[in-house]
Structures are given as C-alpha cells and as structure tokens.
Amino acid sequence: MLQKLRGNNSKGFTLIELMIVIAIIGILAAIAIPNFIAYRNKAFCSAAESDAHATASGIADYYAIPNHVAPVVYGDLTLTPSATNTVAITGTVNALIITVTDGSGRCPADYQTSQAPQWSGGNVFTLGM
C-alpha cells in the first residue's frame, strides 16, 4: 500500500505519515502542558511553606543565644524569602506566628483548602510556634 502512495520515490515520508506524527505530538502536548502548569503552581505554595519553616529554624537559632530574650523581628534573622514572598513575624515570645504571603498569587485554591489548618485564605501561609 505504501509503495503505491510513494510511487517510484522511496525516500522520505508521505504527508499522511507526517500528519499522524504531528497529531500524536499534539495529543501528548495536550496532556502534558496542563500537568506541568499545575505542578509549577504548586511549587509556589511549597516555596511559601519552605520560607515559613526556614523562618522557624532561624527563630530557633536566634533564641539559642542567651541574651536574645526580646521578641524577634524578621530583620534580625539572616534569611531572605524566595521569589516574591513576604514574611512577617507577629505574636509574643511564647507564641510567635509566622505569616508568609505568596507574592506570585499562583498558589491554587484547591491546594490551599487541602492544607486548611495552615493556609488562612488568599495566598497567605501561617505557621504558629
């Protein structure tokens, strides 16, 4: 059958073969691209959570020094948040609250609701100590 389509020229591919390959690539791209975008958006949530946990570790290091007894502010720690995130520390020495806001706004709502005890709405991740 292919010999009839190709005629005497047996080099190269027929138009039908090329169209089938392009269709297969299109189907694979239609499946992979949405998954990649969802994966990338969840990475922004993970970055906010990571910033909160890094801040908690920094606070533990800060209070490990005996003369640090006053409430800590973020500027006292030698940390930088990732990407466009902002970090705030509120509360007293005995009950600190670390709030990280995802500045990108790409953290998906379904991810936030699955993390309900910590995501307080919007793009804000809160970690109590």
N, C-alpha and C. Protein backbone atom coordinates (compact mmCIF):
# COMPACT_ATOMS: atom_id res chain seq x y z
N MET A 1 0.83 -1.19 0.00
CA MET A 1 0.00 0.00 0.00
C MET A 1 0.87 1.25 0.00
N LEU A 2 1.90 1.28 0.86
CA LEU A 2 2.78 2.45 0.90
C LEU A 2 3.53 2.63 -0.41
N GLN A 3 3.88 1.54 -1.07
CA GLN A 3 4.59 1.63 -2.36
C GLN A 3 3.72 2.35 -3.38
N LYS A 4 2.41 2.12 -3.34
CA LYS A 4 1.52 2.80 -4.28
C LYS A 4 1.48 4.29 -4.00
N LEU A 5 1.49 4.67 -2.70
CA LEU A 5 1.46 6.09 -2.35
C LEU A 5 2.76 6.79 -2.70
N ARG A 6 3.85 6.10 -2.53
CA ARG A 6 5.15 6.71 -2.78
C ARG A 6 5.52 6.71 -4.27
N GLY A 7 5.02 5.81 -5.00
CA GLY A 7 5.36 5.71 -6.41
C GLY A 7 6.80 5.24 -6.56
N ASN A 8 7.55 5.87 -7.43
CA ASN A 8 8.93 5.49 -7.66
C ASN A 8 9.87 6.10 -6.63
N ASN A 9 9.45 7.17 -5.96
CA ASN A 9 10.30 7.85 -4.99
C ASN A 9 10.15 7.16 -3.63
N SER A 10 11.13 6.41 -3.20
CA SER A 10 11.03 5.68 -1.94
C SER A 10 11.74 6.39 -0.80
N LYS A 11 12.19 7.61 -1.02
CA LYS A 11 12.87 8.37 0.02
C LYS A 11 11.88 9.30 0.71
N GLY A 12 12.08 9.52 2.02
CA GLY A 12 11.26 10.48 2.75
C GLY A 12 9.97 9.88 3.27
N PHE A 13 9.12 10.74 3.81
CA PHE A 13 7.86 10.33 4.40
C PHE A 13 6.71 10.88 3.57
N THR A 14 5.58 10.20 3.65
CA THR A 14 4.39 10.72 2.97
C THR A 14 3.73 11.76 3.85
N LEU A 15 2.84 12.53 3.26
CA LEU A 15 2.12 13.56 4.00
C LEU A 15 1.27 12.94 5.11
N ILE A 16 0.69 11.80 4.86
CA ILE A 16 -0.14 11.12 5.86
C ILE A 16 0.70 10.71 7.07
N GLU A 17 1.88 10.17 6.84
CA GLU A 17 2.76 9.78 7.95
C GLU A 17 3.15 11.00 8.79
N LEU A 18 3.46 12.10 8.14
CA LEU A 18 3.82 13.31 8.89
C LEU A 18 2.65 13.85 9.69
N MET A 19 1.46 13.80 9.11
CA MET A 19 0.27 14.29 9.82
C MET A 19 -0.03 13.43 11.04
N ILE A 20 0.17 12.11 10.92
CA ILE A 20 -0.06 11.22 12.07
C ILE A 20 0.93 11.54 13.19
N VAL A 21 2.19 11.76 12.86
CA VAL A 21 3.19 12.10 13.87
C VAL A 21 2.85 13.42 14.55
N ILE A 22 2.43 14.42 13.78
CA ILE A 22 2.06 15.72 14.35
C ILE A 22 0.85 15.57 15.25
N ALA A 23 -0.12 14.74 14.87
CA ALA A 23 -1.31 14.52 15.71
C ALA A 23 -0.92 13.86 17.03
N ILE A 24 -0.03 12.89 16.99
CA ILE A 24 0.42 12.22 18.22
C ILE A 24 1.14 13.22 19.13
N ILE A 25 2.01 14.05 18.57
CA ILE A 25 2.71 15.06 19.37
C ILE A 25 1.71 16.04 19.98
N GLY A 26 0.70 16.42 19.22
CA GLY A 26 -0.33 17.33 19.74
C GLY A 26 -1.11 16.73 20.90
N ILE A 27 -1.44 15.45 20.80
CA ILE A 27 -2.16 14.78 21.88
C ILE A 27 -1.29 14.71 23.14
N LEU A 28 -0.03 14.37 22.97
CA LEU A 28 0.87 14.30 24.13
C LEU A 28 1.04 15.69 24.76
N ALA A 29 1.15 16.73 23.95
CA ALA A 29 1.28 18.09 24.49
C ALA A 29 0.01 18.51 25.22
N ALA A 30 -1.16 18.13 24.70
CA ALA A 30 -2.42 18.48 25.36
C ALA A 30 -2.55 17.83 26.73
N ILE A 31 -1.91 16.70 26.91
CA ILE A 31 -1.94 16.02 28.21
C ILE A 31 -0.87 16.59 29.13
N ALA A 32 0.32 16.85 28.62
CA ALA A 32 1.46 17.21 29.46
C ALA A 32 1.44 18.66 29.91
N ILE A 33 1.03 19.59 29.07
CA ILE A 33 1.13 21.02 29.42
C ILE A 33 0.28 21.39 30.63
N PRO A 34 -1.00 20.99 30.72
CA PRO A 34 -1.77 21.33 31.94
C PRO A 34 -1.16 20.73 33.21
N ASN A 35 -0.63 19.52 33.11
CA ASN A 35 0.01 18.91 34.28
C ASN A 35 1.24 19.69 34.69
N PHE A 36 2.01 20.15 33.73
CA PHE A 36 3.20 20.94 34.03
C PHE A 36 2.83 22.26 34.69
N ILE A 37 1.78 22.91 34.23
CA ILE A 37 1.35 24.18 34.81
C ILE A 37 0.88 23.97 36.25
N ALA A 38 0.11 22.91 36.50
CA ALA A 38 -0.34 22.63 37.87
C ALA A 38 0.84 22.33 38.78
N TYR A 39 1.80 21.58 38.28
CA TYR A 39 2.99 21.26 39.05
C TYR A 39 3.76 22.53 39.40
N ARG A 40 3.89 23.44 38.43
CA ARG A 40 4.62 24.69 38.65
C ARG A 40 3.89 25.57 39.67
N ASN A 41 2.57 25.64 39.60
CA ASN A 41 1.82 26.45 40.55
C ASN A 41 1.94 25.90 41.97
N LYS A 42 1.94 24.59 42.12
CA LYS A 42 2.11 24.01 43.46
C LYS A 42 3.50 24.29 44.02
N ALA A 43 4.47 24.50 43.14
CA ALA A 43 5.82 24.83 43.59
C ALA A 43 5.83 26.18 44.30
N PHE A 44 4.96 27.12 43.88
CA PHE A 44 4.88 28.41 44.57
C PHE A 44 4.36 28.23 46.00
N CYS A 45 3.41 27.31 46.18
CA CYS A 45 2.91 27.01 47.53
C CYS A 45 4.01 26.40 48.38
N SER A 46 4.74 25.48 47.79
CA SER A 46 5.83 24.84 48.51
C SER A 46 6.91 25.84 48.89
N ALA A 47 7.15 26.83 48.05
CA ALA A 47 8.14 27.86 48.37
C ALA A 47 7.69 28.68 49.58
N ALA A 48 6.40 28.99 49.66
CA ALA A 48 5.89 29.73 50.82
C ALA A 48 6.01 28.89 52.09
N GLU A 49 5.68 27.62 52.00
CA GLU A 49 5.81 26.74 53.16
C GLU A 49 7.28 26.60 53.57
N SER A 50 8.15 26.50 52.60
CA SER A 50 9.58 26.38 52.88
C SER A 50 10.10 27.64 53.56
N ASP A 51 9.65 28.81 53.11
CA ASP A 51 10.06 30.06 53.74
C ASP A 51 9.60 30.12 55.20
N ALA A 52 8.39 29.62 55.47
CA ALA A 52 7.89 29.62 56.85
C ALA A 52 8.72 28.69 57.73
N HIS A 53 9.05 27.52 57.23
CA HIS A 53 9.84 26.58 58.02
C HIS A 53 11.28 27.07 58.20
N ALA A 54 11.83 27.73 57.19
CA ALA A 54 13.18 28.30 57.32
C ALA A 54 13.17 29.42 58.35
N THR A 55 12.11 30.21 58.35
CA THR A 55 11.99 31.27 59.36
C THR A 55 11.88 30.68 60.75
N ALA A 56 11.13 29.58 60.89
CA ALA A 56 11.01 28.92 62.20
C ALA A 56 12.37 28.43 62.67
N SER A 57 13.16 27.88 61.76
CA SER A 57 14.51 27.42 62.13
C SER A 57 15.39 28.61 62.51
N GLY A 58 15.26 29.71 61.77
CA GLY A 58 16.02 30.92 62.08
C GLY A 58 15.66 31.49 63.44
N ILE A 59 14.38 31.42 63.80
CA ILE A 59 13.94 31.89 65.12
C ILE A 59 14.52 31.00 66.21
N ALA A 60 14.53 29.70 65.97
CA ALA A 60 15.12 28.78 66.96
C ALA A 60 16.60 29.09 67.16
N ASP A 61 17.30 29.37 66.07
CA ASP A 61 18.72 29.73 66.18
C ASP A 61 18.88 31.07 66.91
N TYR A 62 17.99 32.00 66.64
CA TYR A 62 18.06 33.33 67.27
C TYR A 62 17.92 33.21 68.78
N TYR A 63 16.93 32.41 69.23
CA TYR A 63 16.70 32.29 70.67
C TYR A 63 17.68 31.31 71.34
N ALA A 64 18.53 30.65 70.57
CA ALA A 64 19.55 29.80 71.16
C ALA A 64 20.65 30.63 71.82
N ILE A 65 20.77 31.90 71.42
CA ILE A 65 21.75 32.80 72.04
C ILE A 65 21.13 33.34 73.34
N PRO A 66 21.81 33.19 74.47
CA PRO A 66 21.21 33.51 75.77
C PRO A 66 20.72 34.96 75.93
N ASN A 67 21.37 35.95 75.33
CA ASN A 67 20.93 37.33 75.55
C ASN A 67 19.81 37.77 74.61
N HIS A 68 19.31 36.90 73.75
CA HIS A 68 18.17 37.22 72.89
C HIS A 68 16.88 36.80 73.61
N VAL A 69 16.26 37.77 74.29
CA VAL A 69 15.05 37.47 75.04
C VAL A 69 13.86 38.31 74.57
N ALA A 70 14.10 39.32 73.76
CA ALA A 70 13.02 40.17 73.25
C ALA A 70 12.36 39.49 72.05
N PRO A 71 11.14 39.91 71.72
CA PRO A 71 10.51 39.34 70.52
C PRO A 71 11.36 39.60 69.28
N VAL A 72 11.45 38.61 68.44
CA VAL A 72 12.29 38.68 67.24
C VAL A 72 11.53 39.38 66.12
N VAL A 73 12.25 40.10 65.30
CA VAL A 73 11.69 40.66 64.07
C VAL A 73 12.45 40.00 62.91
N TYR A 74 11.83 39.98 61.76
CA TYR A 74 12.41 39.26 60.62
C TYR A 74 13.76 39.84 60.22
N GLY A 75 13.95 41.13 60.42
CA GLY A 75 15.22 41.75 60.06
C GLY A 75 16.39 41.25 60.91
N ASP A 76 16.11 40.72 62.11
CA ASP A 76 17.17 40.18 62.97
C ASP A 76 17.71 38.85 62.45
N LEU A 77 16.93 38.18 61.61
CA LEU A 77 17.34 36.88 61.08
C LEU A 77 18.10 37.08 59.78
N THR A 78 19.03 36.20 59.51
CA THR A 78 19.80 36.29 58.27
C THR A 78 19.17 35.41 57.21
N LEU A 79 17.93 35.72 56.85
CA LEU A 79 17.18 34.94 55.88
C LEU A 79 16.66 35.85 54.78
N THR A 80 16.48 35.31 53.61
CA THR A 80 15.81 36.02 52.53
C THR A 80 14.72 35.12 51.97
N PRO A 81 13.50 35.64 51.85
CA PRO A 81 12.43 34.81 51.30
C PRO A 81 12.65 34.53 49.82
N SER A 82 12.08 33.45 49.35
CA SER A 82 12.23 33.09 47.94
C SER A 82 11.27 33.89 47.07
N ALA A 83 11.71 34.21 45.88
CA ALA A 83 10.92 34.88 44.84
C ALA A 83 10.26 36.16 45.37
N THR A 84 8.96 36.25 45.26
CA THR A 84 8.23 37.46 45.65
C THR A 84 7.53 37.32 46.99
N ASN A 85 7.86 36.31 47.76
CA ASN A 85 7.21 36.08 49.04
C ASN A 85 7.62 37.14 50.07
N THR A 86 6.68 37.45 50.95
CA THR A 86 6.99 38.34 52.07
C THR A 86 6.72 37.58 53.36
N VAL A 87 7.54 37.87 54.37
CA VAL A 87 7.45 37.16 55.65
C VAL A 87 7.22 38.16 56.76
N ALA A 88 6.30 37.82 57.68
CA ALA A 88 6.03 38.66 58.85
C ALA A 88 6.00 37.75 60.08
N ILE A 89 6.53 38.27 61.18
CA ILE A 89 6.52 37.53 62.45
C ILE A 89 5.74 38.38 63.44
N THR A 90 4.69 37.80 64.02
CA THR A 90 3.87 38.51 64.99
C THR A 90 3.72 37.64 66.24
N GLY A 91 3.15 38.22 67.28
CA GLY A 91 2.90 37.49 68.50
C GLY A 91 3.93 37.80 69.57
N THR A 92 3.86 37.05 70.64
CA THR A 92 4.77 37.23 71.76
C THR A 92 5.89 36.19 71.69
N VAL A 93 6.82 36.29 72.62
CA VAL A 93 7.95 35.35 72.64
C VAL A 93 7.44 33.92 72.81
N ASN A 94 6.39 33.75 73.60
CA ASN A 94 5.87 32.40 73.87
C ASN A 94 4.96 31.88 72.77
N ALA A 95 4.43 32.75 71.93
CA ALA A 95 3.50 32.32 70.86
C ALA A 95 3.74 33.16 69.62
N LEU A 96 4.74 32.79 68.85
CA LEU A 96 5.05 33.50 67.62
C LEU A 96 4.23 32.94 66.46
N ILE A 97 3.83 33.83 65.56
CA ILE A 97 3.11 33.42 64.35
C ILE A 97 3.90 33.93 63.15
N ILE A 98 4.26 33.01 62.29
CA ILE A 98 4.99 33.34 61.06
C ILE A 98 3.98 33.35 59.92
N THR A 99 3.92 34.45 59.21
CA THR A 99 2.99 34.58 58.09
C THR A 99 3.78 34.84 56.83
N VAL A 100 3.63 33.96 55.85
CA VAL A 100 4.30 34.12 54.55
C VAL A 100 3.24 34.35 53.50
N THR A 101 3.38 35.42 52.74
CA THR A 101 2.44 35.74 51.67
C THR A 101 3.08 35.42 50.33
N ASP A 102 2.40 34.60 49.54
CA ASP A 102 2.87 34.25 48.21
C ASP A 102 2.60 35.43 47.29
N GLY A 103 3.65 36.15 46.93
CA GLY A 103 3.51 37.34 46.09
C GLY A 103 3.15 37.04 44.66
N SER A 104 3.37 35.81 44.21
CA SER A 104 3.05 35.48 42.82
C SER A 104 1.55 35.32 42.60
N GLY A 105 0.81 34.94 43.64
CA GLY A 105 -0.62 34.72 43.51
C GLY A 105 -0.97 33.47 42.71
N ARG A 106 -0.02 32.57 42.53
CA ARG A 106 -0.26 31.38 41.71
C ARG A 106 -0.56 30.13 42.51
N CYS A 107 -0.58 30.21 43.81
CA CYS A 107 -0.86 29.02 44.60
C CYS A 107 -2.33 28.65 44.42
N PRO A 108 -2.63 27.45 43.90
CA PRO A 108 -4.02 27.09 43.59
C PRO A 108 -4.89 26.95 44.83
N ALA A 109 -6.15 27.34 44.69
CA ALA A 109 -7.10 27.30 45.81
C ALA A 109 -7.33 25.88 46.30
N ASP A 110 -7.33 24.89 45.41
CA ASP A 110 -7.56 23.52 45.86
C ASP A 110 -6.41 23.02 46.72
N TYR A 111 -5.21 23.51 46.47
CA TYR A 111 -4.06 23.15 47.31
C TYR A 111 -4.20 23.81 48.68
N GLN A 112 -4.66 25.06 48.71
CA GLN A 112 -4.82 25.77 49.97
C GLN A 112 -5.89 25.12 50.83
N THR A 113 -7.00 24.67 50.23
CA THR A 113 -8.05 24.05 51.04
C THR A 113 -7.63 22.68 51.55
N SER A 114 -6.73 22.00 50.84
CA SER A 114 -6.26 20.72 51.34
C SER A 114 -5.29 20.91 52.51
N GLN A 115 -4.74 22.12 52.64
CA GLN A 115 -3.84 22.48 53.74
C GLN A 115 -4.56 23.44 54.70
N ALA A 116 -5.85 23.22 54.95
CA ALA A 116 -6.70 24.17 55.66
C ALA A 116 -6.16 24.67 57.00
N PRO A 117 -5.54 23.86 57.86
CA PRO A 117 -5.09 24.40 59.13
C PRO A 117 -4.02 25.48 59.00
N GLN A 118 -3.31 25.53 57.87
CA GLN A 118 -2.20 26.46 57.73
C GLN A 118 -2.48 27.58 56.75
N TRP A 119 -3.17 27.30 55.65
CA TRP A 119 -3.47 28.36 54.68
C TRP A 119 -4.67 29.12 55.18
N SER A 120 -4.49 30.41 55.42
CA SER A 120 -5.57 31.20 56.02
C SER A 120 -6.38 31.96 55.00
N GLY A 121 -6.26 31.65 53.76
CA GLY A 121 -7.04 32.33 52.73
C GLY A 121 -6.15 33.19 51.86
N GLY A 122 -6.59 33.43 50.66
CA GLY A 122 -5.75 34.18 49.74
C GLY A 122 -4.49 33.40 49.44
N ASN A 123 -3.37 34.06 49.52
CA ASN A 123 -2.08 33.40 49.28
C ASN A 123 -1.22 33.47 50.53
N VAL A 124 -1.84 33.36 51.69
CA VAL A 124 -1.13 33.55 52.96
C VAL A 124 -0.97 32.21 53.67
N PHE A 125 0.26 31.86 53.98
CA PHE A 125 0.58 30.65 54.73
C PHE A 125 1.00 31.07 56.14
N THR A 126 0.37 30.48 57.16
CA THR A 126 0.66 30.84 58.55
C THR A 126 1.16 29.62 59.31
N LEU A 127 2.20 29.84 60.07
CA LEU A 127 2.78 28.76 60.87
C LEU A 127 2.91 29.28 62.29
N GLY A 128 2.24 28.63 63.24
CA GLY A 128 2.34 29.02 64.65
C GLY A 128 3.41 28.22 65.35
N MET A 129 4.09 28.86 66.28
CA MET A 129 5.13 28.17 67.03
C MET A 129 4.76 28.11 68.50
